[in-house]
């Protein structure tokens, strides 16, 4: 009876637990907790891409030491992957762009984020929400690296160069591609492969 009561007491906490995912990369594994409670739209969007296999084979295409590493939009050959419609910016959720957090990348349009994301290497206060206007929206934090920050730091140390991405020259691209080989939920079993159903298809301002 006491055991049953104890399990019932734990149940609400288990039900409210945030999703945890892993990115297996060519530089090592990165484990991430998604703040579903604080950024529900961003997390739902990220998980849709992840569950479809979208992130498998994508590269960290923008690496700036002392700032952030960005990925989730280009395949190994540098071609942009087709995405779904943009989502609403949730940067007003109270979460800050602190070291180790993940935020949605976007263009100068505050509500243009699709699949790309970045990991903050330092506390980037300039990227935080300050007001609902074109300059103040900031970048929506939706997750936190819980294990593998040393892998993130190693990626940040990679030599970069200017290369063509989707036919256009881009700066801060790693000389040797750093790939996400597999992205999956840990809360559904790390040994289960993700089906790939994807069809072919300035620091702040050009963050996507």
Protein backbone atom coordinates (compact mmCIF):
# COMPACT_ATOMS: atom_id res chain seq x y z
CA UNK A 1 0.00 0.00 0.00
CA UNK A 2 2.80 2.37 0.93
CA UNK A 3 4.64 1.52 -2.30
CA UNK A 4 1.56 2.28 -4.37
CA UNK A 5 1.14 5.62 -2.60
CA UNK A 6 4.78 6.49 -3.22
CA UNK A 7 4.45 5.67 -6.93
CA UNK A 8 1.31 7.79 -7.19
CA UNK A 9 3.14 10.68 -5.54
CA UNK A 10 5.90 10.43 -8.16
CA UNK A 11 3.52 10.16 -11.11
CA UNK A 12 2.81 13.92 -11.60
CA UNK A 13 6.53 14.66 -11.74
CA UNK A 14 7.10 11.88 -14.26
CA UNK A 15 4.26 13.10 -16.46
CA UNK A 16 5.62 16.64 -16.41
CA UNK A 17 9.22 15.65 -17.22
CA UNK A 18 10.66 17.49 -20.18
CA UNK A 19 11.70 15.48 -23.28
CA UNK A 20 15.38 14.55 -23.57
CA UNK A 21 17.07 14.01 -26.93
CA UNK A 22 20.52 13.08 -28.15
CA UNK A 23 22.48 14.32 -31.12
CA UNK A 24 25.09 11.82 -32.22
CA UNK A 25 27.67 13.88 -34.10
CA UNK A 26 30.97 13.19 -35.80
CA UNK A 27 32.55 15.09 -32.88
CA UNK A 28 30.74 13.08 -30.18
CA UNK A 29 27.30 12.84 -28.50
CA UNK A 30 25.34 15.80 -27.14
CA UNK A 31 22.40 15.28 -24.76
CA UNK A 32 19.73 17.96 -24.58
CA UNK A 33 16.73 18.67 -22.34
CA UNK A 34 13.87 20.40 -24.15
CA UNK A 35 11.93 23.02 -22.19
CA UNK A 36 8.49 21.93 -23.32
CA UNK A 37 6.91 23.74 -20.39
CA UNK A 38 8.48 27.10 -21.31
CA UNK A 39 8.67 26.90 -25.12
CA UNK A 40 5.91 24.50 -26.24
CA UNK A 41 5.72 25.69 -29.87
CA UNK A 42 9.47 25.65 -30.40
CA UNK A 43 9.83 22.23 -28.78
CA UNK A 44 6.93 20.73 -30.76
CA UNK A 45 8.47 22.11 -33.95
CA UNK A 46 11.95 20.75 -33.09
CA UNK A 47 10.57 17.31 -32.23
CA UNK A 48 8.62 17.12 -35.48
CA UNK A 49 11.82 17.65 -37.43
CA UNK A 50 13.73 15.26 -35.18
CA UNK A 51 11.15 12.46 -35.31
CA UNK A 52 10.97 12.66 -39.12
CA UNK A 53 14.73 12.12 -39.39
CA UNK A 54 15.24 15.63 -40.77
CA UNK A 55 18.36 16.35 -38.70
CA UNK A 56 20.12 13.10 -39.62
CA UNK A 57 23.01 13.95 -41.94
CA UNK A 58 22.81 17.72 -41.42
CA UNK A 59 25.90 19.74 -40.55
CA UNK A 60 26.94 22.44 -38.12
CA UNK A 61 27.42 24.97 -40.89
CA UNK A 62 28.20 28.09 -38.86
CA UNK A 63 30.76 28.04 -36.06
CA UNK A 64 31.92 31.22 -34.31
CA UNK A 65 34.24 30.80 -31.33
CA UNK A 66 33.10 32.82 -28.31
CA UNK A 67 29.58 33.10 -29.71
CA UNK A 68 27.69 30.01 -30.91
CA UNK A 69 27.56 26.95 -33.18
CA UNK A 70 24.62 26.64 -35.58
CA UNK A 71 23.16 23.71 -37.47
CA UNK A 72 20.06 21.89 -38.58
CA UNK A 73 19.50 23.35 -42.03
CA UNK A 74 22.04 22.06 -44.56
CA UNK A 75 22.98 18.54 -45.60
CA UNK A 76 26.55 17.25 -45.92
CA UNK A 77 26.91 18.66 -49.43
CA UNK A 78 25.84 22.13 -48.31
CA UNK A 79 22.34 22.03 -49.79
CA UNK A 80 19.54 23.66 -47.82
CA UNK A 81 16.84 21.20 -46.74
CA UNK A 82 13.19 21.97 -47.41
CA UNK A 83 11.35 23.02 -44.25
CA UNK A 84 7.84 23.52 -42.96
CA UNK A 85 6.27 26.92 -42.32
CA UNK A 86 7.98 29.26 -39.80
CA UNK A 87 6.85 29.33 -36.18
CA UNK A 88 5.93 32.05 -33.71
CA UNK A 89 8.87 33.50 -31.76
CA UNK A 90 8.73 32.43 -28.09
CA UNK A 91 11.70 34.49 -26.89
CA UNK A 92 9.41 36.21 -24.38
CA UNK A 93 9.22 33.00 -22.31
CA UNK A 94 11.68 34.19 -19.67
CA UNK A 95 14.54 31.92 -20.76
CA UNK A 96 17.90 33.57 -21.46
CA UNK A 97 20.58 32.84 -24.06
CA UNK A 98 23.05 31.53 -21.50
CA UNK A 99 26.00 29.26 -22.17
CA UNK A 100 24.82 25.78 -23.12
CA UNK A 101 21.29 26.77 -24.10
CA UNK A 102 19.79 26.10 -27.52
CA UNK A 103 17.78 28.75 -29.35
CA UNK A 104 15.94 28.88 -32.64
CA UNK A 105 17.88 30.53 -35.47
CA UNK A 106 16.02 32.96 -37.71
CA UNK A 107 16.41 35.81 -40.19
CA UNK A 108 15.80 39.48 -39.37
CA UNK A 109 12.08 38.62 -39.32
CA UNK A 110 11.35 37.79 -35.65
CA UNK A 111 8.91 35.02 -36.60
CA UNK A 112 10.92 33.26 -39.32
CA UNK A 113 12.44 30.30 -37.43
CA UNK A 114 12.02 26.90 -39.07
CA UNK A 115 14.48 24.04 -38.44
CA UNK A 116 17.82 25.70 -37.69
CA UNK A 117 19.05 26.11 -34.12
CA UNK A 118 22.22 27.22 -32.34
CA UNK A 119 24.02 26.41 -29.11
CA UNK A 120 25.26 29.39 -27.11
CA UNK A 121 28.95 29.13 -26.21
CA UNK A 122 28.75 32.05 -23.77
CA UNK A 123 26.05 34.15 -22.14
CA UNK A 124 24.73 36.09 -25.15
CA UNK A 125 22.61 38.75 -23.47
CA UNK A 126 22.26 40.70 -26.73
CA UNK A 127 20.15 37.83 -28.08
CA UNK A 128 17.60 37.93 -25.25
CA UNK A 129 14.05 39.26 -25.55
CA UNK A 130 13.64 42.91 -24.61
CA UNK A 131 10.40 43.94 -26.31
CA UNK A 132 7.85 42.98 -28.96
CA UNK A 133 9.39 45.00 -31.76
CA UNK A 134 11.78 44.25 -34.65
CA UNK A 135 14.90 44.94 -32.55
CA UNK A 136 13.71 43.54 -29.25
CA UNK A 137 12.24 40.12 -30.02
CA UNK A 138 15.52 38.27 -29.58
CA UNK A 139 16.05 34.54 -30.12
CA UNK A 140 13.84 31.92 -28.48
CA UNK A 141 15.62 29.58 -26.07
CA UNK A 142 13.95 26.16 -25.98
CA UNK A 143 16.52 23.70 -24.62
CA UNK A 144 19.72 23.14 -22.62
CA UNK A 145 22.73 20.89 -23.13
CA UNK A 146 22.82 18.55 -20.13
CA UNK A 147 25.75 16.38 -21.26
CA UNK A 148 28.33 16.84 -23.98
CA UNK A 149 29.16 20.53 -23.62
CA UNK A 150 32.81 19.53 -24.09
CA UNK A 151 31.79 18.23 -27.53
CA UNK A 152 30.16 21.59 -28.29
CA UNK A 153 33.35 23.38 -27.21
CA UNK A 154 35.46 21.09 -29.42
CA UNK A 155 33.24 21.93 -32.39
CA UNK A 156 33.75 25.61 -31.61
CA UNK A 157 37.53 25.12 -31.93
CA UNK A 158 37.34 23.69 -35.46
CA UNK A 159 39.02 25.64 -38.24
CA UNK A 160 36.52 27.51 -40.40
CA UNK A 161 36.56 29.02 -43.86
CA UNK A 162 34.28 30.57 -46.47
CA UNK A 163 32.41 28.00 -48.51
CA UNK A 164 29.35 27.76 -50.72
CA UNK A 165 26.13 26.79 -48.99
CA UNK A 166 23.18 26.29 -51.30
CA UNK A 167 25.10 28.10 -54.05
CA UNK A 168 25.95 31.19 -51.98
CA UNK A 169 29.19 32.04 -50.20
CA UNK A 170 28.99 31.73 -46.43
CA UNK A 171 31.55 32.50 -43.74
CA UNK A 172 32.48 30.55 -40.59
CA UNK A 173 31.89 27.14 -42.17
CA UNK A 174 34.01 24.30 -40.70
CA UNK A 175 36.70 23.17 -43.13
CA UNK A 176 35.87 19.56 -42.31
CA UNK A 177 32.08 19.03 -42.11
CA UNK A 178 30.77 18.27 -38.61
CA UNK A 179 27.65 16.18 -39.02
CA UNK A 180 24.69 15.19 -36.91
CA UNK A 181 24.70 11.51 -37.82
CA UNK A 182 21.58 10.66 -35.83
CA UNK A 183 19.10 12.63 -33.72
CA UNK A 184 16.62 10.83 -31.48
CA UNK A 185 14.63 10.92 -28.27
CA UNK A 186 16.17 9.26 -25.25
CA UNK A 187 12.77 8.99 -23.58
CA UNK A 188 11.56 6.58 -26.32
CA UNK A 189 14.64 4.38 -26.46
CA UNK A 190 18.05 5.33 -27.83
CA UNK A 191 18.29 2.04 -29.74
CA UNK A 192 15.29 2.78 -31.94
CA UNK A 193 16.27 4.30 -35.31
CA UNK A 194 14.39 7.35 -36.54
CA UNK A 195 12.63 6.95 -39.87
CA UNK A 196 13.75 9.46 -42.47
CA UNK A 197 10.61 10.76 -44.14
CA UNK A 198 12.11 14.05 -45.32
CA UNK A 199 11.57 14.83 -49.00
CA UNK A 200 14.39 16.35 -51.06
CA UNK A 201 13.70 19.52 -51.70
CA UNK A 202 26.23 39.58 -38.95
CA UNK A 203 26.01 37.55 -35.70
CA UNK A 204 22.36 38.31 -35.06
CA UNK A 205 20.75 39.43 -38.28
CA UNK A 206 21.79 36.52 -40.45
CA UNK A 207 21.38 33.81 -37.85
CA UNK A 208 19.65 31.53 -40.35
